[in-house]
Amino acid sequence: MFKLNILLVLILIACALGIVTSQHTARKLFMALENEKEIERKLDVEWGRLQLEQSTLIMHGRIEHIAKEHLKMMAPAAASIQIVSIDTPEDRLRPEALKP
C-alpha cells in the first residue's frame, strides 16, 4: 500500500509539473500573439498612411505643376498634335482596308 501511495504521489507531481509547464507555454504564446497583433495594427496604420501619400503624389494637378515649374514642360499647341492610327494585321486583311 505504501508503494502505491508513493507511485500515486509521483504521478500527481508529474501531472502538476505538466500543467504548470503547459500554462507557462500558453502564456508565452499568448504574449507573442499580442505582440504580433500590435505589430499588425501598426503596419495597418502605416499602410493607410502610405496609400494616402501615394494618392496625394499621383494627383494630376500636382504632376502638372511639377512638370511646368521644375521641368519647364508645357502642353503642345493643338496645331502641332498629330493622331496616328496603327493598323492591326486583321485590318490589313479586310478588303475595305485596301481601298484608297
PDB file of N, CA and C in Angstrom:
ATOM      1  N   MET A   1       0.818  -1.194   0.000  1.00  0.00           N
ATOM      2  CA  MET A   1       0.000   0.000   0.000  1.00  0.00           C
ATOM      3  C   MET A   1       0.861   1.257   0.000  1.00  0.00           C
ATOM      4  N   PHE A   2       1.964   1.209   0.745  1.00  0.00           N
ATOM      5  CA  PHE A   2       2.860   2.359   0.820  1.00  0.00           C
ATOM      6  C   PHE A   2       3.485   2.649  -0.551  1.00  0.00           C
ATOM      7  N   LYS A   3       3.854   1.581  -1.295  1.00  0.00           N
ATOM      8  CA  LYS A   3       4.436   1.751  -2.627  1.00  0.00           C
ATOM      9  C   LYS A   3       3.414   2.360  -3.582  1.00  0.00           C
ATOM     10  N   LEU A   4       2.178   1.962  -3.466  1.00  0.00           N
ATOM     11  CA  LEU A   4       1.109   2.502  -4.309  1.00  0.00           C
ATOM     12  C   LEU A   4       0.913   3.985  -4.020  1.00  0.00           C
ATOM     13  N   ASN A   5       0.943   4.385  -2.748  1.00  0.00           N
ATOM     14  CA  ASN A   5       0.801   5.797  -2.383  1.00  0.00           C
ATOM     15  C   ASN A   5       1.956   6.626  -2.952  1.00  0.00           C
ATOM     16  N   ILE A   6       3.171   6.103  -2.859  1.00  0.00           N
ATOM     17  CA  ILE A   6       4.334   6.841  -3.401  1.00  0.00           C
ATOM     18  C   ILE A   6       4.213   6.959  -4.918  1.00  0.00           C
ATOM     19  N   LEU A   7       3.781   5.879  -5.559  1.00  0.00           N
ATOM     20  CA  LEU A   7       3.582   5.917  -7.013  1.00  0.00           C
ATOM     21  C   LEU A   7       2.527   6.952  -7.391  1.00  0.00           C
ATOM     22  N   LEU A   8       1.435   6.991  -6.657  1.00  0.00           N
ATOM     23  CA  LEU A   8       0.377   7.971  -6.937  1.00  0.00           C
ATOM     24  C   LEU A   8       0.863   9.401  -6.683  1.00  0.00           C
ATOM     25  N   VAL A   9       1.669   9.603  -5.649  1.00  0.00           N
ATOM     26  CA  VAL A   9       2.218  10.939  -5.372  1.00  0.00           C
ATOM     27  C   VAL A   9       3.150  11.363  -6.512  1.00  0.00           C
ATOM     28  N   LEU A  10       3.982  10.430  -6.994  1.00  0.00           N
ATOM     29  CA  LEU A  10       4.883  10.755  -8.109  1.00  0.00           C
ATOM     30  C   LEU A  10       4.112  11.086  -9.379  1.00  0.00           C
ATOM     31  N   ILE A  11       3.045  10.340  -9.625  1.00  0.00           N
ATOM     32  CA  ILE A  11       2.195  10.635 -10.797  1.00  0.00           C
ATOM     33  C   ILE A  11       1.530  11.996 -10.626  1.00  0.00           C
ATOM     34  N   LEU A  12       1.079  12.288  -9.413  1.00  0.00           N
ATOM     35  CA  LEU A  12       0.463  13.583  -9.129  1.00  0.00           C
ATOM     36  C   LEU A  12       1.453  14.722  -9.353  1.00  0.00           C
ATOM     37  N   ILE A  13       2.690  14.554  -8.905  1.00  0.00           N
ATOM     38  CA  ILE A  13       3.720  15.596  -9.102  1.00  0.00           C
ATOM     39  C   ILE A  13       4.028  15.776 -10.582  1.00  0.00           C
ATOM     40  N   ALA A  14       4.113  14.665 -11.308  1.00  0.00           N
ATOM     41  CA  ALA A  14       4.374  14.749 -12.751  1.00  0.00           C
ATOM     42  C   ALA A  14       3.237  15.485 -13.464  1.00  0.00           C
ATOM     43  N   CYS A  15       2.007  15.178 -13.090  1.00  0.00           N
ATOM     44  CA  CYS A  15       0.856  15.864 -13.699  1.00  0.00           C
ATOM     45  C   CYS A  15       0.863  17.350 -13.360  1.00  0.00           C
ATOM     46  N   ALA A  16       1.183  17.670 -12.117  1.00  0.00           N
ATOM     47  CA  ALA A  16       1.226  19.075 -11.704  1.00  0.00           C
ATOM     48  C   ALA A  16       2.305  19.824 -12.481  1.00  0.00           C
ATOM     49  N   LEU A  17       3.475  19.211 -12.642  1.00  0.00           N
ATOM     50  CA  LEU A  17       4.542  19.852 -13.419  1.00  0.00           C
ATOM     51  C   LEU A  17       4.137  20.009 -14.882  1.00  0.00           C
ATOM     52  N   GLY A  18       3.430  19.031 -15.408  1.00  0.00           N
ATOM     53  CA  GLY A  18       2.935  19.132 -16.785  1.00  0.00           C
ATOM     54  C   GLY A  18       1.961  20.281 -16.960  1.00  0.00           C
ATOM     55  N   ILE A  19       1.080  20.440 -15.985  1.00  0.00           N
ATOM     56  CA  ILE A  19       0.100  21.537 -16.038  1.00  0.00           C
ATOM     57  C   ILE A  19       0.801  22.887 -15.954  1.00  0.00           C
ATOM     58  N   VAL A  20       1.752  23.008 -15.045  1.00  0.00           N
ATOM     59  CA  VAL A  20       2.482  24.271 -14.895  1.00  0.00           C
ATOM     60  C   VAL A  20       3.237  24.597 -16.174  1.00  0.00           C
ATOM     61  N   THR A  21       3.889  23.593 -16.755  1.00  0.00           N
ATOM     62  CA  THR A  21       4.641  23.802 -17.992  1.00  0.00           C
ATOM     63  C   THR A  21       3.715  24.217 -19.135  1.00  0.00           C
ATOM     64  N   SER A  22       2.586  23.554 -19.267  1.00  0.00           N
ATOM     65  CA  SER A  22       1.664  23.891 -20.360  1.00  0.00           C
ATOM     66  C   SER A  22       1.059  25.284 -20.161  1.00  0.00           C
ATOM     67  N   GLN A  23       0.763  25.657 -18.920  1.00  0.00           N
ATOM     68  CA  GLN A  23       0.244  27.009 -18.674  1.00  0.00           C
ATOM     69  C   GLN A  23       1.294  28.063 -18.990  1.00  0.00           C
ATOM     70  N   HIS A  24       2.525  27.798 -18.631  1.00  0.00           N
ATOM     71  CA  HIS A  24       3.606  28.741 -18.917  1.00  0.00           C
ATOM     72  C   HIS A  24       3.779  28.897 -20.434  1.00  0.00           C
ATOM     73  N   THR A  25       3.757  27.785 -21.147  1.00  0.00           N
ATOM     74  CA  THR A  25       3.870  27.826 -22.610  1.00  0.00           C
ATOM     75  C   THR A  25       2.697  28.588 -23.223  1.00  0.00           C
ATOM     76  N   ALA A  26       1.496  28.342 -22.706  1.00  0.00           N
ATOM     77  CA  ALA A  26       0.311  29.037 -23.221  1.00  0.00           C
ATOM     78  C   ALA A  26       0.422  30.539 -22.983  1.00  0.00           C
ATOM     79  N   ARG A  27       0.918  30.944 -21.826  1.00  0.00           N
ATOM     80  CA  ARG A  27       1.078  32.379 -21.538  1.00  0.00           C
ATOM     81  C   ARG A  27       2.117  33.010 -22.457  1.00  0.00           C
ATOM     82  N   LYS A  28       3.228  32.297 -22.688  1.00  0.00           N
ATOM     83  CA  LYS A  28       4.254  32.823 -23.596  1.00  0.00           C
ATOM     84  C   LYS A  28       3.708  32.976 -25.014  1.00  0.00           C
ATOM     85  N   LEU A  29       2.946  31.984 -25.465  1.00  0.00           N
ATOM     86  CA  LEU A  29       2.358  32.062 -26.801  1.00  0.00           C
ATOM     87  C   LEU A  29       1.327  33.177 -26.891  1.00  0.00           C
ATOM     88  N   PHE A  30       0.556  33.377 -25.829  1.00  0.00           N
ATOM     89  CA  PHE A  30      -0.433  34.458 -25.821  1.00  0.00           C
ATOM     90  C   PHE A  30       0.258  35.816 -25.890  1.00  0.00           C
ATOM     91  N   MET A  31       1.360  35.961 -25.157  1.00  0.00           N
ATOM     92  CA  MET A  31       2.106  37.228 -25.205  1.00  0.00           C
ATOM     93  C   MET A  31       2.689  37.448 -26.598  1.00  0.00           C
ATOM     94  N   ALA A  32       3.192  36.396 -27.223  1.00  0.00           N
ATOM     95  CA  ALA A  32       3.720  36.518 -28.581  1.00  0.00           C
ATOM     96  C   ALA A  32       2.611  36.897 -29.555  1.00  0.00           C
ATOM     97  N   LEU A  33       1.432  36.314 -29.371  1.00  0.00           N
ATOM     98  CA  LEU A  33       0.287  36.649 -30.225  1.00  0.00           C
ATOM     99  C   LEU A  33      -0.103  38.113 -30.074  1.00  0.00           C
ATOM    100  N   GLU A  34      -0.147  38.597 -28.847  1.00  0.00           N
ATOM    101  CA  GLU A  34      -0.488  40.003 -28.614  1.00  0.00           C
ATOM    102  C   GLU A  34       0.548  40.935 -29.241  1.00  0.00           C
ATOM    103  N   ASN A  35       1.824  40.568 -29.145  1.00  0.00           N
ATOM    104  CA  ASN A  35       2.868  41.386 -29.783  1.00  0.00           C
ATOM    105  C   ASN A  35       2.683  41.423 -31.291  1.00  0.00           C
ATOM    106  N   GLU A  36       2.359  40.284 -31.882  1.00  0.00           N
ATOM    107  CA  GLU A  36       2.149  40.234 -33.329  1.00  0.00           C
ATOM    108  C   GLU A  36       0.910  41.034 -33.742  1.00  0.00           C
ATOM    109  N   LYS A  37      -0.129  40.999 -32.920  1.00  0.00           N
ATOM    110  CA  LYS A  37      -1.326  41.798 -33.221  1.00  0.00           C
ATOM    111  C   LYS A  37      -1.008  43.285 -33.170  1.00  0.00           C
ATOM    112  N   GLU A  38      -0.172  43.690 -32.223  1.00  0.00           N
ATOM    113  CA  GLU A  38       0.232  45.097 -32.129  1.00  0.00           C
ATOM    114  C   GLU A  38       1.031  45.504 -33.358  1.00  0.00           C
ATOM    115  N   ILE A  39       1.919  44.632 -33.784  1.00  0.00           N
ATOM    116  CA  ILE A  39       2.692  44.906 -34.999  1.00  0.00           C
ATOM    117  C   ILE A  39       1.762  45.000 -36.198  1.00  0.00           C
ATOM    118  N   GLU A  40       0.754  44.129 -36.255  1.00  0.00           N
ATOM    119  CA  GLU A  40      -0.215  44.169 -37.353  1.00  0.00           C
ATOM    120  C   GLU A  40      -0.972  45.496 -37.369  1.00  0.00           C
ATOM    121  N   ARG A  41      -1.381  45.954 -36.186  1.00  0.00           N
ATOM    122  CA  ARG A  41      -2.099  47.233 -36.114  1.00  0.00           C
ATOM    123  C   ARG A  41      -1.213  48.382 -36.588  1.00  0.00           C
ATOM    124  N   LYS A  42       0.055  48.372 -36.181  1.00  0.00           N
ATOM    125  CA  LYS A  42       0.974  49.427 -36.620  1.00  0.00           C
ATOM    126  C   LYS A  42       1.191  49.380 -38.129  1.00  0.00           C
ATOM    127  N   LEU A  43       1.317  48.175 -38.674  1.00  0.00           N
ATOM    128  CA  LEU A  43       1.503  48.043 -40.117  1.00  0.00           C
ATOM    129  C   LEU A  43       0.258  48.474 -40.885  1.00  0.00           C
ATOM    130  N   ASP A  44      -0.929  48.209 -40.338  1.00  0.00           N
ATOM    131  CA  ASP A  44      -2.165  48.664 -40.985  1.00  0.00           C
ATOM    132  C   ASP A  44      -2.228  50.187 -41.022  1.00  0.00           C
ATOM    133  N   VAL A  45      -1.828  50.828 -39.926  1.00  0.00           N
ATOM    134  CA  VAL A  45      -1.814  52.295 -39.891  1.00  0.00           C
ATOM    135  C   VAL A  45      -0.809  52.827 -40.907  1.00  0.00           C
ATOM    136  N   GLU A  46       0.362  52.219 -40.964  1.00  0.00           N
ATOM    137  CA  GLU A  46       1.382  52.674 -41.920  1.00  0.00           C
ATOM    138  C   GLU A  46       0.921  52.439 -43.352  1.00  0.00           C
ATOM    139  N   TRP A  47       0.249  51.323 -43.616  1.00  0.00           N
ATOM    140  CA  TRP A  47      -0.258  51.038 -44.960  1.00  0.00           C
ATOM    141  C   TRP A  47      -1.284  52.099 -45.379  1.00  0.00           C
ATOM    142  N   GLY A  48      -2.167  52.460 -44.471  1.00  0.00           N
ATOM    143  CA  GLY A  48      -3.141  53.506 -44.784  1.00  0.00           C
ATOM    144  C   GLY A  48      -2.469  54.844 -45.052  1.00  0.00           C
ATOM    145  N   ARG A  49      -1.442  55.159 -44.264  1.00  0.00           N
ATOM    146  CA  ARG A  49      -0.705  56.405 -44.476  1.00  0.00           C
ATOM    147  C   ARG A  49       0.008  56.389 -45.825  1.00  0.00           C
ATOM    148  N   LEU A  50       0.589  55.260 -46.200  1.00  0.00           N
ATOM    149  CA  LEU A  50       1.279  55.166 -47.480  1.00  0.00           C
ATOM    150  C   LEU A  50       0.311  55.252 -48.652  1.00  0.00           C
ATOM    151  N   GLN A  51      -0.882  54.667 -48.507  1.00  0.00           N
ATOM    152  CA  GLN A  51      -1.882  54.782 -49.573  1.00  0.00           C
ATOM    153  C   GLN A  51      -2.325  56.230 -49.739  1.00  0.00           C
ATOM    154  N   LEU A  52      -2.514  56.932 -48.627  1.00  0.00           N
ATOM    155  CA  LEU A  52      -2.891  58.343 -48.694  1.00  0.00           C
ATOM    156  C   LEU A  52      -1.782  59.160 -49.337  1.00  0.00           C
ATOM    157  N   GLU A  53      -0.546  58.881 -48.961  1.00  0.00           N
ATOM    158  CA  GLU A  53       0.594  59.595 -49.544  1.00  0.00           C
ATOM    159  C   GLU A  53       0.709  59.320 -51.040  1.00  0.00           C
ATOM    160  N   GLN A  54       0.476  58.078 -51.448  1.00  0.00           N
ATOM    161  CA  GLN A  54       0.544  57.740 -52.860  1.00  0.00           C
ATOM    162  C   GLN A  54      -0.552  58.456 -53.647  1.00  0.00           C
ATOM    163  N   SER A  55      -1.764  58.491 -53.093  1.00  0.00           N
ATOM    164  CA  SER A  55      -2.849  59.172 -53.805  1.00  0.00           C
ATOM    165  C   SER A  55      -2.577  60.669 -53.908  1.00  0.00           C
ATOM    166  N   THR A  56      -1.893  61.229 -52.920  1.00  0.00           N
ATOM    167  CA  THR A  56      -1.534  62.638 -52.979  1.00  0.00           C
ATOM    168  C   THR A  56      -0.461  62.882 -54.037  1.00  0.00           C
ATOM    169  N   LEU A  57       0.500  61.977 -54.125  1.00  0.00           N
ATOM    170  CA  LEU A  57       1.608  62.167 -55.054  1.00  0.00           C
ATOM    171  C   LEU A  57       1.212  61.995 -56.509  1.00  0.00           C
ATOM    172  N   ILE A  58       0.159  61.232 -56.789  1.00  0.00           N
ATOM    173  CA  ILE A  58      -0.197  60.992 -58.183  1.00  0.00           C
ATOM    174  C   ILE A  58      -1.349  61.874 -58.670  1.00  0.00           C
ATOM    175  N   MET A  59      -1.710  62.878 -57.918  1.00  0.00           N
ATOM    176  CA  MET A  59      -2.766  63.786 -58.368  1.00  0.00           C
ATOM    177  C   MET A  59      -2.293  64.519 -59.622  1.00  0.00           C
ATOM    178  N   HIS A  60      -3.191  64.653 -60.602  1.00  0.00           N
ATOM    179  CA  HIS A  60      -2.832  65.242 -61.891  1.00  0.00           C
ATOM    180  C   HIS A  60      -2.373  66.694 -61.754  1.00  0.00           C
ATOM    181  N   GLY A  61      -3.022  67.429 -60.906  1.00  0.00           N
ATOM    182  CA  GLY A  61      -2.632  68.829 -60.728  1.00  0.00           C
ATOM    183  C   GLY A  61      -1.221  68.962 -60.192  1.00  0.00           C
ATOM    184  N   ARG A  62      -0.850  68.104 -59.265  1.00  0.00           N
ATOM    185  CA  ARG A  62       0.500  68.145 -58.700  1.00  0.00           C
ATOM    186  C   ARG A  62       1.531  67.776 -59.754  1.00  0.00           C
ATOM    187  N   ILE A  63       1.231  66.737 -60.537  1.00  0.00           N
ATOM    188  CA  ILE A  63       2.162  66.313 -61.591  1.00  0.00           C
ATOM    189  C   ILE A  63       2.308  67.410 -62.635  1.00  0.00           C
ATOM    190  N   GLU A  64       1.201  68.028 -63.007  1.00  0.00           N
ATOM    191  CA  GLU A  64       1.262  69.105 -63.994  1.00  0.00           C
ATOM    192  C   GLU A  64       2.059  70.295 -63.452  1.00  0.00           C
ATOM    193  N   HIS A  65       1.870  70.616 -62.192  1.00  0.00           N
ATOM    194  CA  HIS A  65       2.609  71.723 -61.575  1.00  0.00           C
ATOM    195  C   HIS A  65       4.113  71.432 -61.569  1.00  0.00           C
ATOM    196  N   ILE A  66       4.496  70.231 -61.203  1.00  0.00           N
ATOM    197  CA  ILE A  66       5.917  69.873 -61.191  1.00  0.00           C
ATOM    198  C   ILE A  66       6.487  69.902 -62.598  1.00  0.00           C
ATOM    199  N   ALA A  67       5.717  69.410 -63.577  1.00  0.00           N
ATOM    200  CA  ALA A  67       6.199  69.409 -64.958  1.00  0.00           C
ATOM    201  C   ALA A  67       6.414  70.840 -65.460  1.00  0.00           C
ATOM    202  N   LYS A  68       5.525  71.750 -65.106  1.00  0.00           N
ATOM    203  CA  LYS A  68       5.657  73.134 -65.565  1.00  0.00           C
ATOM    204  C   LYS A  68       6.769  73.874 -64.833  1.00  0.00           C
ATOM    205  N   GLU A  69       6.807  73.760 -63.515  1.00  0.00           N
ATOM    206  CA  GLU A  69       7.747  74.542 -62.712  1.00  0.00           C
ATOM    207  C   GLU A  69       9.167  73.989 -62.748  1.00  0.00           C
ATOM    208  N   HIS A  70       9.317  72.705 -62.508  1.00  0.00           N
ATOM    209  CA  HIS A  70      10.658  72.143 -62.362  1.00  0.00           C
ATOM    210  C   HIS A  70      11.254  71.668 -63.683  1.00  0.00           C
ATOM    211  N   LEU A  71      10.416  71.119 -64.550  1.00  0.00           N
ATOM    212  CA  LEU A  71      10.927  70.557 -65.797  1.00  0.00           C
ATOM    213  C   LEU A  71      10.734  71.491 -66.987  1.00  0.00           C
ATOM    214  N   LYS A  72      10.058  72.633 -66.764  1.00  0.00           N
ATOM    215  CA  LYS A  72       9.800  73.624 -67.814  1.00  0.00           C
ATOM    216  C   LYS A  72       9.089  73.004 -69.016  1.00  0.00           C
ATOM    217  N   MET A  73       8.129  72.136 -68.734  1.00  0.00           N
ATOM    218  CA  MET A  73       7.352  71.493 -69.798  1.00  0.00           C
ATOM    219  C   MET A  73       6.062  72.271 -70.007  1.00  0.00           C
ATOM    220  N   MET A  74       5.506  72.151 -71.205  1.00  0.00           N
ATOM    221  CA  MET A  74       4.221  72.769 -71.485  1.00  0.00           C
ATOM    222  C   MET A  74       3.466  71.916 -72.490  1.00  0.00           C
ATOM    223  N   ALA A  75       2.163  72.081 -72.514  1.00  0.00           N
ATOM    224  CA  ALA A  75       1.323  71.309 -73.432  1.00  0.00           C
ATOM    225  C   ALA A  75       1.549  71.809 -74.853  1.00  0.00           C
ATOM    226  N   PRO A  76       1.605  70.923 -75.838  1.00  0.00           N
ATOM    227  CA  PRO A  76       1.815  71.357 -77.215  1.00  0.00           C
ATOM    228  C   PRO A  76       0.582  72.074 -77.761  1.00  0.00           C
ATOM    229  N   ALA A  77       0.797  72.899 -78.756  1.00  0.00           N
ATOM    230  CA  ALA A  77      -0.312  73.606 -79.398  1.00  0.00           C
ATOM    231  C   ALA A  77      -1.164  72.594 -80.162  1.00  0.00           C
ATOM    232  N   ALA A  78      -2.434  72.909 -80.313  1.00  0.00           N
ATOM    233  CA  ALA A  78      -3.357  71.984 -80.980  1.00  0.00           C
ATOM    234  C   ALA A  78      -2.927  71.722 -82.423  1.00  0.00           C
ATOM    235  N   ALA A  79      -2.332  72.707 -83.085  1.00  0.00           N
ATOM    236  CA  ALA A  79      -1.918  72.539 -84.480  1.00  0.00           C
ATOM    237  C   ALA A  79      -0.751  71.565 -84.613  1.00  0.00           C
ATOM    238  N   SER A  80       0.025  71.406 -83.585  1.00  0.00           N
ATOM    239  CA  SER A  80       1.185  70.530 -83.689  1.00  0.00           C
ATOM    240  C   SER A  80       0.914  69.095 -83.218  1.00  0.00           C
ATOM    241  N   ILE A  81      -0.332  68.807 -82.856  1.00  0.00           N
ATOM    242  CA  ILE A  81      -0.686  67.454 -82.417  1.00  0.00           C
ATOM    243  C   ILE A  81      -1.144  66.650 -83.624  1.00  0.00           C
ATOM    244  N   GLN A  82      -0.569  65.479 -83.811  1.00  0.00           N
ATOM    245  CA  GLN A  82      -0.967  64.581 -84.895  1.00  0.00           C
ATOM    246  C   GLN A  82      -1.422  63.259 -84.290  1.00  0.00           C
ATOM    247  N   ILE A  83      -2.519  62.733 -84.817  1.00  0.00           N
ATOM    248  CA  ILE A  83      -3.032  61.461 -84.355  1.00  0.00           C
ATOM    249  C   ILE A  83      -2.652  60.406 -85.378  1.00  0.00           C
ATOM    250  N   VAL A  84      -1.976  59.383 -84.936  1.00  0.00           N
ATOM    251  CA  VAL A  84      -1.512  58.317 -85.810  1.00  0.00           C
ATOM    252  C   VAL A  84      -2.278  57.054 -85.444  1.00  0.00           C
ATOM    253  N   SER A  85      -2.872  56.433 -86.450  1.00  0.00           N
ATOM    254  CA  SER A  85      -3.572  55.171 -86.186  1.00  0.00           C
ATOM    255  C   SER A  85      -2.680  54.032 -86.666  1.00  0.00           C
ATOM    256  N   ILE A  86      -2.733  52.963 -85.921  1.00  0.00           N
ATOM    257  CA  ILE A  86      -1.915  51.797 -86.243  1.00  0.00           C
ATOM    258  C   ILE A  86      -2.858  50.700 -86.701  1.00  0.00           C
ATOM    259  N   ASP A  87      -2.607  50.195 -87.920  1.00  0.00           N
ATOM    260  CA  ASP A  87      -3.424  49.103 -88.432  1.00  0.00           C
ATOM    261  C   ASP A  87      -2.962  47.797 -87.796  1.00  0.00           C
ATOM    262  N   THR A  88      -3.940  47.029 -87.373  1.00  0.00           N
ATOM    263  CA  THR A  88      -3.619  45.707 -86.855  1.00  0.00           C
ATOM    264  C   THR A  88      -3.569  44.733 -88.025  1.00  0.00           C
ATOM    265  N   PRO A  89      -2.963  43.579 -87.895  1.00  0.00           N
ATOM    266  CA  PRO A  89      -2.902  42.618 -89.010  1.00  0.00           C
ATOM    267  C   PRO A  89      -4.287  42.214 -89.513  1.00  0.00           C
ATOM    268  N   GLU A  90      -5.290  42.195 -88.645  1.00  0.00           N
ATOM    269  CA  GLU A  90      -6.640  41.851 -89.085  1.00  0.00           C
ATOM    270  C   GLU A  90      -7.205  42.938 -90.003  1.00  0.00           C
ATOM    271  N   ASP A  91      -6.865  44.212 -89.726  1.00  0.00           N
ATOM    272  CA  ASP A  91      -7.356  45.311 -90.567  1.00  0.00           C
ATOM    273  C   ASP A  91      -6.741  45.251 -91.955  1.00  0.00           C
ATOM    274  N   ARG A  92      -5.535  44.808 -92.068  1.00  0.00           N
ATOM    275  CA  ARG A  92      -4.860  44.746 -93.372  1.00  0.00           C
ATOM    276  C   ARG A  92      -5.457  43.663 -94.253  1.00  0.00           C
ATOM    277  N   LEU A  93      -6.020  42.627 -93.678  1.00  0.00           N
ATOM    278  CA  LEU A  93      -6.577  41.520 -94.448  1.00  0.00           C
ATOM    279  C   LEU A  93      -7.992  41.798 -94.946  1.00  0.00           C
ATOM    280  N   ARG A  94      -8.668  42.793 -94.365  1.00  0.00           N
ATOM    281  CA  ARG A  94     -10.030  43.097 -94.803  1.00  0.00           C
ATOM    282  C   ARG A  94     -10.003  43.827 -96.138  1.00  0.00           C
ATOM    283  N   PRO A  95     -10.917  43.510 -97.060  1.00  0.00           N
ATOM    284  CA  PRO A  95     -10.904  44.157 -98.385  1.00  0.00           C
ATOM    285  C   PRO A  95     -11.190  45.656 -98.326  1.00  0.00           C
ATOM    286  N   GLU A  96     -12.025  46.130 -97.401  1.00  0.00           N
ATOM    287  CA  GLU A  96     -12.334  47.564 -97.347  1.00  0.00           C
ATOM    288  C   GLU A  96     -11.130  48.369 -96.877  1.00  0.00           C
ATOM    289  N   ALA A  97     -10.184  47.724 -96.195  1.00  0.00           N
ATOM    290  CA  ALA A  97      -8.986  48.431 -95.757  1.00  0.00           C
ATOM    291  C   ALA A  97      -8.031  48.657 -96.913  1.00  0.00           C
ATOM    292  N   LEU A  98      -8.183  47.873 -98.010  1.00  0.00           N
ATOM    293  CA  LEU A  98      -7.286  48.016 -99.151  1.00  0.00           C
ATOM    294  C   LEU A  98      -7.720  49.126-100.089  1.00  0.00           C
ATOM    295  N   LYS A  99      -8.965  49.557-100.008  1.00  0.00           N
ATOM    296  CA  LYS A  99      -9.473  50.616-100.893  1.00  0.00           C
ATOM    297  C   LYS A  99      -8.903  51.960-100.451  1.00  0.00           C
ATOM    298  N   PRO A 100      -8.523  52.814-101.427  1.00  0.00           N
ATOM    299  CA  PRO A 100      -7.988  54.136-101.079  1.00  0.00           C
ATOM    300  C   PRO A 100      -9.029  55.086-100.606  1.00  0.00           C
TER     301      PRO A 100
END
